[in-house]
Amino acid sequence: MASGVLVLEAIVLMLVSGPMILVYDVRPAVGLSVCLGLGFAALLTCGLLGKPVGVVAGSVLQAAAVALGFVVPVMFVLGSIFAALWVAAVLLGRRVDAIKAEHSARPSGGSS
């Protein structure tokens, strides 16, 4: 679930480079570097999700997406939505992992 959030966020981050350059007069080199860099970082973070550093990297990425709102104001809204989805995905993922661990720890007995 968290990887799905990151992939969708990567798409949004990469697409925001257009308005950033055309509407908000950011230099193309800066706009493309920032947006494409954050987008690729989101995709790379998907590969780190199995490790504790993945959740930290994803959380930092959420903060960066919200901070992009200082340049493109709609990113305050979009970044906040993705941050909320990120928190939900991480919490639900932990809950699912706990349930799986509990289920696998039960002895597998016959029917009663």
PDB file of N, CA and C in Angstrom:
ATOM      1  N   MET A   1       0.825  -1.185   0.000  1.00  0.00           N
ATOM      2  CA  MET A   1       0.000   0.000   0.000  1.00  0.00           C
ATOM      3  C   MET A   1       0.876   1.259   0.000  1.00  0.00           C
ATOM      4  N   ALA A   2       1.922   1.260   0.798  1.00  0.00           N
ATOM      5  CA  ALA A   2       2.807   2.423   0.857  1.00  0.00           C
ATOM      6  C   ALA A   2       3.527   2.629  -0.468  1.00  0.00           C
ATOM      7  N   SER A   3       3.880   1.543  -1.128  1.00  0.00           N
ATOM      8  CA  SER A   3       4.546   1.687  -2.418  1.00  0.00           C
ATOM      9  C   SER A   3       3.588   2.272  -3.453  1.00  0.00           C
ATOM     10  N   GLY A   4       2.328   1.935  -3.367  1.00  0.00           N
ATOM     11  CA  GLY A   4       1.335   2.519  -4.267  1.00  0.00           C
ATOM     12  C   GLY A   4       1.216   4.026  -4.074  1.00  0.00           C
ATOM     13  N   VAL A   5       1.233   4.448  -2.826  1.00  0.00           N
ATOM     14  CA  VAL A   5       1.199   5.887  -2.534  1.00  0.00           C
ATOM     15  C   VAL A   5       2.415   6.566  -3.145  1.00  0.00           C
ATOM     16  N   LEU A   6       3.577   5.960  -2.974  1.00  0.00           N
ATOM     17  CA  LEU A   6       4.803   6.562  -3.495  1.00  0.00           C
ATOM     18  C   LEU A   6       4.828   6.623  -5.023  1.00  0.00           C
ATOM     19  N   VAL A   7       4.323   5.591  -5.682  1.00  0.00           N
ATOM     20  CA  VAL A   7       4.306   5.597  -7.151  1.00  0.00           C
ATOM     21  C   VAL A   7       3.377   6.689  -7.665  1.00  0.00           C
ATOM     22  N   LEU A   8       2.186   6.792  -7.082  1.00  0.00           N
ATOM     23  CA  LEU A   8       1.265   7.846  -7.507  1.00  0.00           C
ATOM     24  C   LEU A   8       1.831   9.228  -7.201  1.00  0.00           C
ATOM     25  N   GLU A   9       2.479   9.350  -6.066  1.00  0.00           N
ATOM     26  CA  GLU A   9       3.085  10.628  -5.711  1.00  0.00           C
ATOM     27  C   GLU A   9       4.228  10.982  -6.656  1.00  0.00           C
ATOM     28  N   ALA A  10       4.981   9.977  -7.081  1.00  0.00           N
ATOM     29  CA  ALA A  10       6.068  10.216  -8.037  1.00  0.00           C
ATOM     30  C   ALA A  10       5.513  10.802  -9.330  1.00  0.00           C
ATOM     31  N   ILE A  11       4.393  10.269  -9.793  1.00  0.00           N
ATOM     32  CA  ILE A  11       3.774  10.781 -11.011  1.00  0.00           C
ATOM     33  C   ILE A  11       3.366  12.235 -10.827  1.00  0.00           C
ATOM     34  N   VAL A  12       2.722  12.541  -9.703  1.00  0.00           N
ATOM     35  CA  VAL A  12       2.293  13.918  -9.444  1.00  0.00           C
ATOM     36  C   VAL A  12       3.499  14.843  -9.338  1.00  0.00           C
ATOM     37  N   LEU A  13       4.532  14.417  -8.640  1.00  0.00           N
ATOM     38  CA  LEU A  13       5.718  15.259  -8.477  1.00  0.00           C
ATOM     39  C   LEU A  13       6.387  15.547  -9.821  1.00  0.00           C
ATOM     40  N   MET A  14       6.424  14.557 -10.677  1.00  0.00           N
ATOM     41  CA  MET A  14       7.041  14.777 -11.985  1.00  0.00           C
ATOM     42  C   MET A  14       6.176  15.681 -12.861  1.00  0.00           C
ATOM     43  N   LEU A  15       4.865  15.544 -12.753  1.00  0.00           N
ATOM     44  CA  LEU A  15       3.969  16.358 -13.572  1.00  0.00           C
ATOM     45  C   LEU A  15       3.889  17.813 -13.109  1.00  0.00           C
ATOM     46  N   VAL A  16       4.185  18.068 -11.860  1.00  0.00           N
ATOM     47  CA  VAL A  16       4.088  19.442 -11.355  1.00  0.00           C
ATOM     48  C   VAL A  16       5.209  20.335 -11.912  1.00  0.00           C
ATOM     49  N   SER A  17       6.184  19.729 -12.561  1.00  0.00           N
ATOM     50  CA  SER A  17       7.262  20.540 -13.143  1.00  0.00           C
ATOM     51  C   SER A  17       6.734  21.478 -14.222  1.00  0.00           C
ATOM     52  N   GLY A  18       5.734  21.052 -14.967  1.00  0.00           N
ATOM     53  CA  GLY A  18       5.161  21.918 -16.011  1.00  0.00           C
ATOM     54  C   GLY A  18       4.585  23.205 -15.458  1.00  0.00           C
ATOM     55  N   PRO A  19       3.618  23.133 -14.544  1.00  0.00           N
ATOM     56  CA  PRO A  19       3.091  24.366 -13.962  1.00  0.00           C
ATOM     57  C   PRO A  19       4.152  25.183 -13.221  1.00  0.00           C
ATOM     58  N   MET A  20       5.083  24.487 -12.608  1.00  0.00           N
ATOM     59  CA  MET A  20       6.139  25.179 -11.882  1.00  0.00           C
ATOM     60  C   MET A  20       6.927  26.094 -12.821  1.00  0.00           C
ATOM     61  N   ILE A  21       7.200  25.597 -14.022  1.00  0.00           N
ATOM     62  CA  ILE A  21       7.987  26.351 -14.996  1.00  0.00           C
ATOM     63  C   ILE A  21       7.120  27.367 -15.742  1.00  0.00           C
ATOM     64  N   LEU A  22       5.966  26.927 -16.216  1.00  0.00           N
ATOM     65  CA  LEU A  22       5.141  27.770 -17.080  1.00  0.00           C
ATOM     66  C   LEU A  22       4.319  28.812 -16.333  1.00  0.00           C
ATOM     67  N   VAL A  23       3.802  28.458 -15.178  1.00  0.00           N
ATOM     68  CA  VAL A  23       2.913  29.367 -14.458  1.00  0.00           C
ATOM     69  C   VAL A  23       3.663  30.179 -13.406  1.00  0.00           C
ATOM     70  N   TYR A  24       4.573  29.545 -12.704  1.00  0.00           N
ATOM     71  CA  TYR A  24       5.234  30.205 -11.579  1.00  0.00           C
ATOM     72  C   TYR A  24       6.634  30.705 -11.915  1.00  0.00           C
ATOM     73  N   ASP A  25       6.988  30.704 -13.184  1.00  0.00           N
ATOM     74  CA  ASP A  25       8.237  31.294 -13.689  1.00  0.00           C
ATOM     75  C   ASP A  25       9.498  30.784 -12.994  1.00  0.00           C
ATOM     76  N   VAL A  26       9.514  29.519 -12.669  1.00  0.00           N
ATOM     77  CA  VAL A  26      10.729  28.905 -12.134  1.00  0.00           C
ATOM     78  C   VAL A  26      11.596  28.529 -13.321  1.00  0.00           C
ATOM     79  N   ARG A  27      12.894  28.745 -13.188  1.00  0.00           N
ATOM     80  CA  ARG A  27      13.795  28.374 -14.293  1.00  0.00           C
ATOM     81  C   ARG A  27      13.641  26.894 -14.616  1.00  0.00           C
ATOM     82  N   PRO A  28      13.605  26.555 -15.900  1.00  0.00           N
ATOM     83  CA  PRO A  28      13.392  25.155 -16.287  1.00  0.00           C
ATOM     84  C   PRO A  28      14.388  24.182 -15.662  1.00  0.00           C
ATOM     85  N   ALA A  29      15.641  24.568 -15.573  1.00  0.00           N
ATOM     86  CA  ALA A  29      16.650  23.662 -14.995  1.00  0.00           C
ATOM     87  C   ALA A  29      16.333  23.371 -13.531  1.00  0.00           C
ATOM     88  N   VAL A  30      15.906  24.384 -12.814  1.00  0.00           N
ATOM     89  CA  VAL A  30      15.579  24.212 -11.394  1.00  0.00           C
ATOM     90  C   VAL A  30      14.294  23.402 -11.239  1.00  0.00           C
ATOM     91  N   GLY A  31      13.269  23.771 -11.986  1.00  0.00           N
ATOM     92  CA  GLY A  31      11.983  23.080 -11.891  1.00  0.00           C
ATOM     93  C   GLY A  31      12.089  21.602 -12.224  1.00  0.00           C
ATOM     94  N   LEU A  32      12.769  21.315 -13.329  1.00  0.00           N
ATOM     95  CA  LEU A  32      12.921  19.917 -13.722  1.00  0.00           C
ATOM     96  C   LEU A  32      13.784  19.151 -12.734  1.00  0.00           C
ATOM     97  N   SER A  33      14.848  19.772 -12.271  1.00  0.00           N
ATOM     98  CA  SER A  33      15.729  19.088 -11.317  1.00  0.00           C
ATOM     99  C   SER A  33      14.997  18.735 -10.032  1.00  0.00           C
ATOM    100  N   VAL A  34      14.266  19.701  -9.513  1.00  0.00           N
ATOM    101  CA  VAL A  34      13.567  19.474  -8.243  1.00  0.00           C
ATOM    102  C   VAL A  34      12.455  18.449  -8.419  1.00  0.00           C
ATOM    103  N   CYS A  35      11.597  18.659  -9.395  1.00  0.00           N
ATOM    104  CA  CYS A  35      10.431  17.786  -9.552  1.00  0.00           C
ATOM    105  C   CYS A  35      10.808  16.374  -9.991  1.00  0.00           C
ATOM    106  N   LEU A  36      11.669  16.279 -10.980  1.00  0.00           N
ATOM    107  CA  LEU A  36      12.082  14.945 -11.420  1.00  0.00           C
ATOM    108  C   LEU A  36      12.911  14.248 -10.345  1.00  0.00           C
ATOM    109  N   GLY A  37      13.733  15.021  -9.637  1.00  0.00           N
ATOM    110  CA  GLY A  37      14.523  14.446  -8.549  1.00  0.00           C
ATOM    111  C   GLY A  37      13.642  13.890  -7.444  1.00  0.00           C
ATOM    112  N   LEU A  38      12.621  14.652  -7.047  1.00  0.00           N
ATOM    113  CA  LEU A  38      11.706  14.154  -6.016  1.00  0.00           C
ATOM    114  C   LEU A  38      10.905  12.960  -6.522  1.00  0.00           C
ATOM    115  N   GLY A  39      10.514  12.997  -7.787  1.00  0.00           N
ATOM    116  CA  GLY A  39       9.777  11.871  -8.354  1.00  0.00           C
ATOM    117  C   GLY A  39      10.595  10.594  -8.367  1.00  0.00           C
ATOM    118  N   PHE A  40      11.840  10.705  -8.816  1.00  0.00           N
ATOM    119  CA  PHE A  40      12.711   9.525  -8.822  1.00  0.00           C
ATOM    120  C   PHE A  40      13.036   9.075  -7.401  1.00  0.00           C
ATOM    121  N   ALA A  41      13.167  10.024  -6.475  1.00  0.00           N
ATOM    122  CA  ALA A  41      13.401   9.659  -5.074  1.00  0.00           C
ATOM    123  C   ALA A  41      12.221   8.857  -4.528  1.00  0.00           C
ATOM    124  N   ALA A  42      11.003   9.238  -4.924  1.00  0.00           N
ATOM    125  CA  ALA A  42       9.820   8.492  -4.483  1.00  0.00           C
ATOM    126  C   ALA A  42       9.859   7.064  -5.020  1.00  0.00           C
ATOM    127  N   LEU A  43      10.262   6.918  -6.281  1.00  0.00           N
ATOM    128  CA  LEU A  43      10.349   5.574  -6.862  1.00  0.00           C
ATOM    129  C   LEU A  43      11.442   4.748  -6.195  1.00  0.00           C
ATOM    130  N   LEU A  44      12.569   5.367  -5.903  1.00  0.00           N
ATOM    131  CA  LEU A  44      13.655   4.652  -5.231  1.00  0.00           C
ATOM    132  C   LEU A  44      13.274   4.250  -3.812  1.00  0.00           C
ATOM    133  N   THR A  45      12.476   5.090  -3.174  1.00  0.00           N
ATOM    134  CA  THR A  45      12.047   4.799  -1.810  1.00  0.00           C
ATOM    135  C   THR A  45      11.175   3.549  -1.768  1.00  0.00           C
ATOM    136  N   CYS A  46      10.472   3.270  -2.852  1.00  0.00           N
ATOM    137  CA  CYS A  46       9.672   2.035  -2.909  1.00  0.00           C
ATOM    138  C   CYS A  46      10.548   0.809  -2.648  1.00  0.00           C
ATOM    139  N   GLY A  47      11.754   0.828  -3.145  1.00  0.00           N
ATOM    140  CA  GLY A  47      12.666  -0.293  -2.950  1.00  0.00           C
ATOM    141  C   GLY A  47      13.201  -0.394  -1.537  1.00  0.00           C
ATOM    142  N   LEU A  48      13.095   0.681  -0.784  1.00  0.00           N
ATOM    143  CA  LEU A  48      13.598   0.683   0.592  1.00  0.00           C
ATOM    144  C   LEU A  48      12.533   0.360   1.628  1.00  0.00           C
ATOM    145  N   LEU A  49      11.310   0.154   1.195  1.00  0.00           N
ATOM    146  CA  LEU A  49      10.218  -0.001   2.156  1.00  0.00           C
ATOM    147  C   LEU A  49      10.327  -1.236   3.036  1.00  0.00           C
ATOM    148  N   GLY A  50      11.091  -2.208   2.638  1.00  0.00           N
ATOM    149  CA  GLY A  50      11.280  -3.391   3.477  1.00  0.00           C
ATOM    150  C   GLY A  50      12.206  -3.141   4.651  1.00  0.00           C
ATOM    151  N   LYS A  51      12.894  -2.019   4.627  1.00  0.00           N
ATOM    152  CA  LYS A  51      13.841  -1.670   5.689  1.00  0.00           C
ATOM    153  C   LYS A  51      13.300  -0.479   6.484  1.00  0.00           C
ATOM    154  N   PRO A  52      13.723  -0.323   7.726  1.00  0.00           N
ATOM    155  CA  PRO A  52      13.245   0.819   8.532  1.00  0.00           C
ATOM    156  C   PRO A  52      13.572   2.178   7.905  1.00  0.00           C
ATOM    157  N   VAL A  53      14.676   2.264   7.174  1.00  0.00           N
ATOM    158  CA  VAL A  53      15.037   3.534   6.561  1.00  0.00           C
ATOM    159  C   VAL A  53      14.041   3.937   5.479  1.00  0.00           C
ATOM    160  N   GLY A  54      13.299   2.971   4.941  1.00  0.00           N
ATOM    161  CA  GLY A  54      12.319   3.265   3.902  1.00  0.00           C
ATOM    162  C   GLY A  54      11.183   4.135   4.409  1.00  0.00           C
ATOM    163  N   VAL A  55      10.708   3.852   5.605  1.00  0.00           N
ATOM    164  CA  VAL A  55       9.627   4.651   6.183  1.00  0.00           C
ATOM    165  C   VAL A  55      10.118   6.054   6.484  1.00  0.00           C
ATOM    166  N   VAL A  56      11.348   6.160   6.971  1.00  0.00           N
ATOM    167  CA  VAL A  56      11.924   7.481   7.252  1.00  0.00           C
ATOM    168  C   VAL A  56      12.096   8.269   5.952  1.00  0.00           C
ATOM    169  N   ALA A  57      12.630   7.623   4.931  1.00  0.00           N
ATOM    170  CA  ALA A  57      12.824   8.294   3.646  1.00  0.00           C
ATOM    171  C   ALA A  57      11.484   8.720   3.049  1.00  0.00           C
ATOM    172  N   GLY A  58      10.481   7.872   3.159  1.00  0.00           N
ATOM    173  CA  GLY A  58       9.156   8.225   2.664  1.00  0.00           C
ATOM    174  C   GLY A  58       8.557   9.400   3.418  1.00  0.00           C
ATOM    175  N   SER A  59       8.793   9.450   4.712  1.00  0.00           N
ATOM    176  CA  SER A  59       8.285  10.558   5.518  1.00  0.00           C
ATOM    177  C   SER A  59       8.972  11.869   5.156  1.00  0.00           C
ATOM    178  N   VAL A  60      10.270  11.811   4.921  1.00  0.00           N
ATOM    179  CA  VAL A  60      11.001  13.013   4.489  1.00  0.00           C
ATOM    180  C   VAL A  60      10.483  13.470   3.129  1.00  0.00           C
ATOM    181  N   LEU A  61      10.197  12.526   2.276  1.00  0.00           N
ATOM    182  CA  LEU A  61       9.658  12.838   0.960  1.00  0.00           C
ATOM    183  C   LEU A  61       8.293  13.523   1.073  1.00  0.00           C
ATOM    184  N   GLN A  62       7.484  13.090   2.017  1.00  0.00           N
ATOM    185  CA  GLN A  62       6.181  13.735   2.225  1.00  0.00           C
ATOM    186  C   GLN A  62       6.358  15.188   2.645  1.00  0.00           C
ATOM    187  N   ALA A  63       7.315  15.427   3.524  1.00  0.00           N
ATOM    188  CA  ALA A  63       7.585  16.804   3.953  1.00  0.00           C
ATOM    189  C   ALA A  63       8.066  17.658   2.781  1.00  0.00           C
ATOM    190  N   ALA A  64       8.885  17.082   1.915  1.00  0.00           N
ATOM    191  CA  ALA A  64       9.373  17.813   0.746  1.00  0.00           C
ATOM    192  C   ALA A  64       8.237  18.127  -0.217  1.00  0.00           C
ATOM    193  N   ALA A  65       7.306  17.203  -0.377  1.00  0.00           N
ATOM    194  CA  ALA A  65       6.170  17.437  -1.273  1.00  0.00           C
ATOM    195  C   ALA A  65       5.294  18.562  -0.749  1.00  0.00           C
ATOM    196  N   VAL A  66       5.068  18.592   0.555  1.00  0.00           N
ATOM    197  CA  VAL A  66       4.278  19.682   1.140  1.00  0.00           C
ATOM    198  C   VAL A  66       5.047  21.001   1.025  1.00  0.00           C
ATOM    199  N   ALA A  67       6.345  20.971   1.258  1.00  0.00           N
ATOM    200  CA  ALA A  67       7.166  22.188   1.179  1.00  0.00           C
ATOM    201  C   ALA A  67       7.206  22.748  -0.242  1.00  0.00           C
ATOM    202  N   LEU A  68       6.986  21.914  -1.230  1.00  0.00           N
ATOM    203  CA  LEU A  68       6.931  22.375  -2.614  1.00  0.00           C
ATOM    204  C   LEU A  68       5.778  23.364  -2.811  1.00  0.00           C
ATOM    205  N   GLY A  69       4.849  23.370  -1.870  1.00  0.00           N
ATOM    206  CA  GLY A  69       3.737  24.315  -1.896  1.00  0.00           C
ATOM    207  C   GLY A  69       4.172  25.765  -1.785  1.00  0.00           C
ATOM    208  N   PHE A  70       5.372  26.023  -1.285  1.00  0.00           N
ATOM    209  CA  PHE A  70       5.860  27.402  -1.234  1.00  0.00           C
ATOM    210  C   PHE A  70       6.147  27.942  -2.634  1.00  0.00           C
ATOM    211  N   VAL A  71       6.322  27.053  -3.592  1.00  0.00           N
ATOM    212  CA  VAL A  71       6.547  27.449  -4.980  1.00  0.00           C
ATOM    213  C   VAL A  71       5.268  27.285  -5.791  1.00  0.00           C
ATOM    214  N   VAL A  72       4.621  26.148  -5.653  1.00  0.00           N
ATOM    215  CA  VAL A  72       3.365  25.856  -6.350  1.00  0.00           C
ATOM    216  C   VAL A  72       2.310  25.630  -5.263  1.00  0.00           C
ATOM    217  N   PRO A  73       1.495  26.636  -4.961  1.00  0.00           N
ATOM    218  CA  PRO A  73       0.589  26.556  -3.809  1.00  0.00           C
ATOM    219  C   PRO A  73      -0.333  25.334  -3.775  1.00  0.00           C
ATOM    220  N   VAL A  74      -0.732  24.815  -4.906  1.00  0.00           N
ATOM    221  CA  VAL A  74      -1.605  23.642  -4.894  1.00  0.00           C
ATOM    222  C   VAL A  74      -0.906  22.432  -4.275  1.00  0.00           C
ATOM    223  N   MET A  75       0.424  22.439  -4.224  1.00  0.00           N
ATOM    224  CA  MET A  75       1.148  21.333  -3.619  1.00  0.00           C
ATOM    225  C   MET A  75       0.957  21.278  -2.104  1.00  0.00           C
ATOM    226  N   PHE A  76       0.531  22.382  -1.484  1.00  0.00           N
ATOM    227  CA  PHE A  76       0.174  22.296  -0.064  1.00  0.00           C
ATOM    228  C   PHE A  76      -0.977  21.302   0.099  1.00  0.00           C
ATOM    229  N   VAL A  77      -1.959  21.393  -0.794  1.00  0.00           N
ATOM    230  CA  VAL A  77      -3.118  20.506  -0.726  1.00  0.00           C
ATOM    231  C   VAL A  77      -2.731  19.090  -1.151  1.00  0.00           C
ATOM    232  N   LEU A  78      -2.115  18.968  -2.336  1.00  0.00           N
ATOM    233  CA  LEU A  78      -1.746  17.643  -2.831  1.00  0.00           C
ATOM    234  C   LEU A  78      -0.738  16.956  -1.918  1.00  0.00           C
ATOM    235  N   GLY A  79       0.245  17.713  -1.448  1.00  0.00           N
ATOM    236  CA  GLY A  79       1.237  17.144  -0.539  1.00  0.00           C
ATOM    237  C   GLY A  79       0.613  16.668   0.758  1.00  0.00           C
ATOM    238  N   SER A  80      -0.350  17.433   1.263  1.00  0.00           N
ATOM    239  CA  SER A  80      -1.028  17.036   2.496  1.00  0.00           C
ATOM    240  C   SER A  80      -1.865  15.781   2.288  1.00  0.00           C
ATOM    241  N   ILE A  81      -2.512  15.687   1.125  1.00  0.00           N
ATOM    242  CA  ILE A  81      -3.291  14.480   0.822  1.00  0.00           C
ATOM    243  C   ILE A  81      -2.376  13.262   0.768  1.00  0.00           C
ATOM    244  N   PHE A  82      -1.247  13.393   0.068  1.00  0.00           N
ATOM    245  CA  PHE A  82      -0.317  12.266  -0.016  1.00  0.00           C
ATOM    246  C   PHE A  82       0.300  11.956   1.346  1.00  0.00           C
ATOM    247  N   ALA A  83       0.545  12.971   2.155  1.00  0.00           N
ATOM    248  CA  ALA A  83       1.085  12.723   3.500  1.00  0.00           C
ATOM    249  C   ALA A  83       0.077  11.942   4.341  1.00  0.00           C
ATOM    250  N   ALA A  84      -1.202  12.294   4.233  1.00  0.00           N
ATOM    251  CA  ALA A  84      -2.237  11.567   4.973  1.00  0.00           C
ATOM    252  C   ALA A  84      -2.336  10.126   4.482  1.00  0.00           C
ATOM    253  N   LEU A  85      -2.273   9.941   3.168  1.00  0.00           N
ATOM    254  CA  LEU A  85      -2.293   8.591   2.609  1.00  0.00           C
ATOM    255  C   LEU A  85      -1.073   7.793   3.067  1.00  0.00           C
ATOM    256  N   TRP A  86       0.069   8.476   3.148  1.00  0.00           N
ATOM    257  CA  TRP A  86       1.302   7.831   3.593  1.00  0.00           C
ATOM    258  C   TRP A  86       1.164   7.338   5.036  1.00  0.00           C
ATOM    259  N   VAL A  87       0.661   8.200   5.910  1.00  0.00           N
ATOM    260  CA  VAL A  87       0.487   7.822   7.314  1.00  0.00           C
ATOM    261  C   VAL A  87      -0.474   6.641   7.420  1.00  0.00           C
ATOM    262  N   ALA A  88      -1.568   6.702   6.678  1.00  0.00           N
ATOM    263  CA  ALA A  88      -2.539   5.602   6.707  1.00  0.00           C
ATOM    264  C   ALA A  88      -1.898   4.305   6.209  1.00  0.00           C
ATOM    265  N   ALA A  89      -1.129   4.390   5.135  1.00  0.00           N
ATOM    266  CA  ALA A  89      -0.488   3.193   4.574  1.00  0.00           C
ATOM    267  C   ALA A  89       0.514   2.591   5.556  1.00  0.00           C
ATOM    268  N   VAL A  90       1.295   3.429   6.203  1.00  0.00           N
ATOM    269  CA  VAL A  90       2.285   2.929   7.157  1.00  0.00           C
ATOM    270  C   VAL A  90       1.598   2.291   8.362  1.00  0.00           C
ATOM    271  N   LEU A  91       0.578   2.955   8.891  1.00  0.00           N
ATOM    272  CA  LEU A  91      -0.123   2.407  10.055  1.00  0.00           C
ATOM    273  C   LEU A  91      -0.846   1.110   9.716  1.00  0.00           C
ATOM    274  N   LEU A  92      -1.521   1.075   8.576  1.00  0.00           N
ATOM    275  CA  LEU A  92      -2.211  -0.148   8.179  1.00  0.00           C
ATOM    276  C   LEU A  92      -1.218  -1.265   7.867  1.00  0.00           C
ATOM    277  N   GLY A  93      -0.094  -0.914   7.272  1.00  0.00           N
ATOM    278  CA  GLY A  93       0.937  -1.912   6.988  1.00  0.00           C
ATOM    279  C   GLY A  93       1.470  -2.539   8.262  1.00  0.00           C
ATOM    280  N   ARG A  94       1.681  -1.716   9.274  1.00  0.00           N
ATOM    281  CA  ARG A  94       2.146  -2.249  10.560  1.00  0.00           C
ATOM    282  C   ARG A  94       1.102  -3.164  11.179  1.00  0.00           C
ATOM    283  N   ARG A  95      -0.157  -2.753  11.067  1.00  0.00           N
ATOM    284  CA  ARG A  95      -1.231  -3.567  11.632  1.00  0.00           C
ATOM    285  C   ARG A  95      -1.311  -4.921  10.920  1.00  0.00           C
ATOM    286  N   VAL A  96      -1.215  -4.902   9.603  1.00  0.00           N
ATOM    287  CA  VAL A  96      -1.254  -6.147   8.828  1.00  0.00           C
ATOM    288  C   VAL A  96      -0.064  -7.031   9.199  1.00  0.00           C
ATOM    289  N   ASP A  97       1.117  -6.436   9.329  1.00  0.00           N
ATOM    290  CA  ASP A  97       2.300  -7.213   9.716  1.00  0.00           C
ATOM    291  C   ASP A  97       2.115  -7.855  11.089  1.00  0.00           C
ATOM    292  N   ALA A  98       1.511  -7.125  12.027  1.00  0.00           N
ATOM    293  CA  ALA A  98       1.281  -7.664  13.365  1.00  0.00           C
ATOM    294  C   ALA A  98       0.287  -8.824  13.316  1.00  0.00           C
ATOM    295  N   ILE A  99      -0.747  -8.681  12.507  1.00  0.00           N
ATOM    296  CA  ILE A  99      -1.736  -9.750  12.383  1.00  0.00           C
ATOM    297  C   ILE A  99      -1.103 -10.983  11.744  1.00  0.00           C
ATOM    298  N   LYS A 100      -0.281 -10.769  10.721  1.00  0.00           N
ATOM    299  CA  LYS A 100       0.406 -11.898  10.076  1.00  0.00           C
ATOM    300  C   LYS A 100       1.331 -12.605  11.061  1.00  0.00           C
ATOM    301  N   ALA A 101       2.064 -11.819  11.858  1.00  0.00           N
ATOM    302  CA  ALA A 101       2.971 -12.424  12.837  1.00  0.00           C
ATOM    303  C   ALA A 101       2.203 -13.209  13.885  1.00  0.00           C
ATOM    304  N   GLU A 102       1.089 -12.667  14.321  1.00  0.00           N
ATOM    305  CA  GLU A 102       0.247 -13.360  15.317  1.00  0.00           C
ATOM    306  C   GLU A 102      -0.309 -14.650  14.718  1.00  0.00           C
ATOM    307  N   HIS A 103      -0.737 -14.572  13.490  1.00  0.00           N
ATOM    308  CA  HIS A 103      -1.313 -15.753  12.831  1.00  0.00           C
ATOM    309  C   HIS A 103      -0.270 -16.844  12.621  1.00  0.00           C
ATOM    310  N   SER A 104       0.921 -16.446  12.230  1.00  0.00           N
ATOM    311  CA  SER A 104       1.961 -17.450  12.008  1.00  0.00           C
ATOM    312  C   SER A 104       2.520 -18.012  13.312  1.00  0.00           C
ATOM    313  N   ALA A 105       2.346 -17.291  14.414  1.00  0.00           N
ATOM    314  CA  ALA A 105       2.834 -17.772  15.702  1.00  0.00           C
ATOM    315  C   ALA A 105       1.887 -18.797  16.322  1.00  0.00           C
ATOM    316  N   ARG A 106       0.646 -18.811  15.859  1.00  0.00           N
ATOM    317  CA  ARG A 106      -0.310 -19.794  16.390  1.00  0.00           C
ATOM    318  C   ARG A 106       0.072 -21.188  15.938  1.00  0.00           C
ATOM    319  N   PRO A 107      -0.076 -22.141  16.863  1.00  0.00           N
ATOM    320  CA  PRO A 107       0.182 -23.519  16.439  1.00  0.00           C
ATOM    321  C   PRO A 107      -0.913 -23.971  15.471  1.00  0.00           C
ATOM    322  N   SER A 108      -0.482 -24.642  14.439  1.00  0.00           N
ATOM    323  CA  SER A 108      -1.455 -25.119  13.455  1.00  0.00           C
ATOM    324  C   SER A 108      -1.948 -26.487  13.885  1.00  0.00           C
ATOM    325  N   GLY A 109      -3.103 -26.465  14.506  1.00  0.00           N
ATOM    326  CA  GLY A 109      -3.689 -27.717  14.991  1.00  0.00           C
ATOM    327  C   GLY A 109      -4.781 -28.173  14.046  1.00  0.00           C
ATOM    328  N   GLY A 110      -5.305 -29.315  14.304  1.00  0.00           N
ATOM    329  CA  GLY A 110      -6.393 -29.853  13.503  1.00  0.00           C
ATOM    330  C   GLY A 110      -7.690 -29.156  13.838  1.00  0.00           C
ATOM    331  N   SER A 111      -8.744 -29.613  13.227  1.00  0.00           N
ATOM    332  CA  SER A 111     -10.049 -29.011  13.513  1.00  0.00           C
ATOM    333  C   SER A 111     -10.549 -29.515  14.864  1.00  0.00           C
ATOM    334  N   SER A 112     -11.364 -28.719  15.542  1.00  0.00           N
ATOM    335  CA  SER A 112     -11.811 -29.112  16.868  1.00  0.00           C
ATOM    336  C   SER A 112     -13.153 -29.727  16.887  1.00  0.00           C
TER     337      SER A 112
END
